[in-house]
Amino acid sequence: MILLLDTGILGQLCHPAKATFQPVAGWLANLLSDSDPQLQVILPEICDYKLRRKLHHLVAKGQADARSLQRLDDLGRLIDYLPVDTSTLRKAA
């Protein structure tokens, strides 16, 4: 099974201290701890870009903590990225 994380889920994973987002963080942690070789969790680079851009903006305005960016970086070390290229974007469209 291939699981693509979208920007909404990704945003929740970057703010796991918020009580309403903790179930999402727990869900992904359970998936990643499962040793199912059929499971592949993928983060499309376009989603990383969109969220990272927004987080930088919010941090600069004092509306978010830089730890959210660190969490995004940490997540990128745990799961695979789907590169953005013309072919990928055309398929997505």
Protein backbone atom coordinates (compact mmCIF):
# COMPACT_ATOMS: atom_id res chain seq x y z
CA MET A 1 0.00 0.00 0.00
CA ILE A 2 1.22 3.49 -0.85
CA LEU A 3 0.07 6.31 1.39
CA LEU A 4 0.50 9.90 0.17
CA LEU A 5 0.39 12.59 2.84
CA ASP A 6 -1.37 15.77 1.78
CA THR A 7 -0.73 19.27 3.12
CA GLY A 8 -3.56 19.16 5.67
CA ILE A 9 -2.29 16.00 7.35
CA LEU A 10 1.26 17.25 7.09
CA GLY A 11 0.32 20.47 8.88
CA GLN A 12 -1.25 18.49 11.70
CA LEU A 13 1.87 16.37 12.02
CA CYS A 14 3.98 19.51 12.40
CA HIS A 15 1.83 20.68 15.33
CA PRO A 16 1.41 17.49 17.40
CA ALA A 17 1.16 19.36 20.72
CA LYS A 18 -2.27 20.65 19.71
CA ALA A 19 -4.69 18.19 21.29
CA THR A 20 -6.89 17.89 18.20
CA PHE A 21 -3.87 16.85 16.10
CA GLN A 22 -2.49 14.20 18.46
CA PRO A 23 -4.58 11.37 16.95
CA VAL A 24 -3.03 12.07 13.54
CA ALA A 25 0.50 11.97 14.98
CA GLY A 26 -0.33 8.71 16.78
CA TRP A 27 -1.83 7.22 13.62
CA LEU A 28 1.32 7.91 11.60
CA ALA A 29 3.60 6.71 14.40
CA ASN A 30 1.67 3.42 14.47
CA LEU A 31 1.94 3.07 10.70
CA LEU A 32 5.68 3.77 10.71
CA SER A 33 6.32 1.37 13.61
CA ASP A 34 4.53 -1.43 11.77
CA SER A 35 7.06 -3.49 9.84
CA ASP A 36 4.71 -4.08 6.91
CA PRO A 37 6.97 -4.21 3.83
CA GLN A 38 3.95 -3.43 1.64
CA LEU A 39 3.45 -0.02 3.25
CA GLN A 40 5.17 3.00 1.75
CA VAL A 41 4.44 6.43 3.23
CA ILE A 42 5.28 9.20 0.79
CA LEU A 43 5.44 12.96 1.14
CA PRO A 44 4.99 14.79 -2.15
CA GLU A 45 7.61 17.53 -2.35
CA ILE A 46 4.96 20.02 -3.45
CA CYS A 47 3.18 19.51 -0.10
CA ASP A 48 6.43 20.04 1.79
CA TYR A 49 7.00 23.24 -0.19
CA LYS A 50 3.50 24.59 0.44
CA LEU A 51 3.57 23.91 4.16
CA ARG A 52 7.20 25.02 4.64
CA ARG A 53 6.46 28.31 2.89
CA LYS A 54 3.43 28.90 5.11
CA LEU A 55 5.34 27.98 8.27
CA HIS A 56 8.16 30.39 7.44
CA HIS A 57 5.55 33.12 6.98
CA LEU A 58 3.82 32.30 10.29
CA VAL A 59 7.10 32.10 12.21
CA ALA A 60 8.16 35.49 10.85
CA LYS A 61 4.85 36.97 12.04
CA GLY A 62 5.20 35.33 15.46
CA GLN A 63 2.15 33.15 14.89
CA ALA A 64 4.00 29.83 14.84
CA ASP A 65 6.97 28.27 16.55
CA ALA A 66 10.12 27.33 14.64
CA ARG A 67 9.74 23.84 16.13
CA SER A 68 7.09 23.21 13.48
CA LEU A 69 9.74 23.61 10.78
CA GLN A 70 12.03 21.27 12.69
CA ARG A 71 9.23 18.69 12.86
CA LEU A 72 8.79 18.99 9.10
CA ASP A 73 12.52 18.39 8.64
CA ASP A 74 12.40 15.41 11.02
CA LEU A 75 9.45 13.89 9.19
CA GLY A 76 11.36 14.17 5.93
CA ARG A 77 14.00 11.88 7.39
CA LEU A 78 11.41 9.24 8.28
CA ILE A 79 9.49 8.93 5.05
CA ASP A 80 10.14 9.06 1.33
CA TYR A 81 9.68 12.14 -0.82
CA LEU A 82 7.93 12.14 -4.18
CA PRO A 83 9.94 14.50 -6.37
CA VAL A 84 8.22 17.24 -8.28
CA ASP A 85 8.81 17.27 -12.00
CA THR A 86 6.78 18.12 -15.04
CA SER A 87 5.61 14.55 -15.54
CA THR A 88 4.44 14.23 -11.93
CA LEU A 89 2.57 17.54 -12.03
CA ARG A 90 0.85 16.65 -15.30
CA LYS A 91 -0.27 13.30 -13.89
CA ALA A 92 -1.53 15.02 -10.77
CA ALA A 93 -3.52 17.52 -12.82
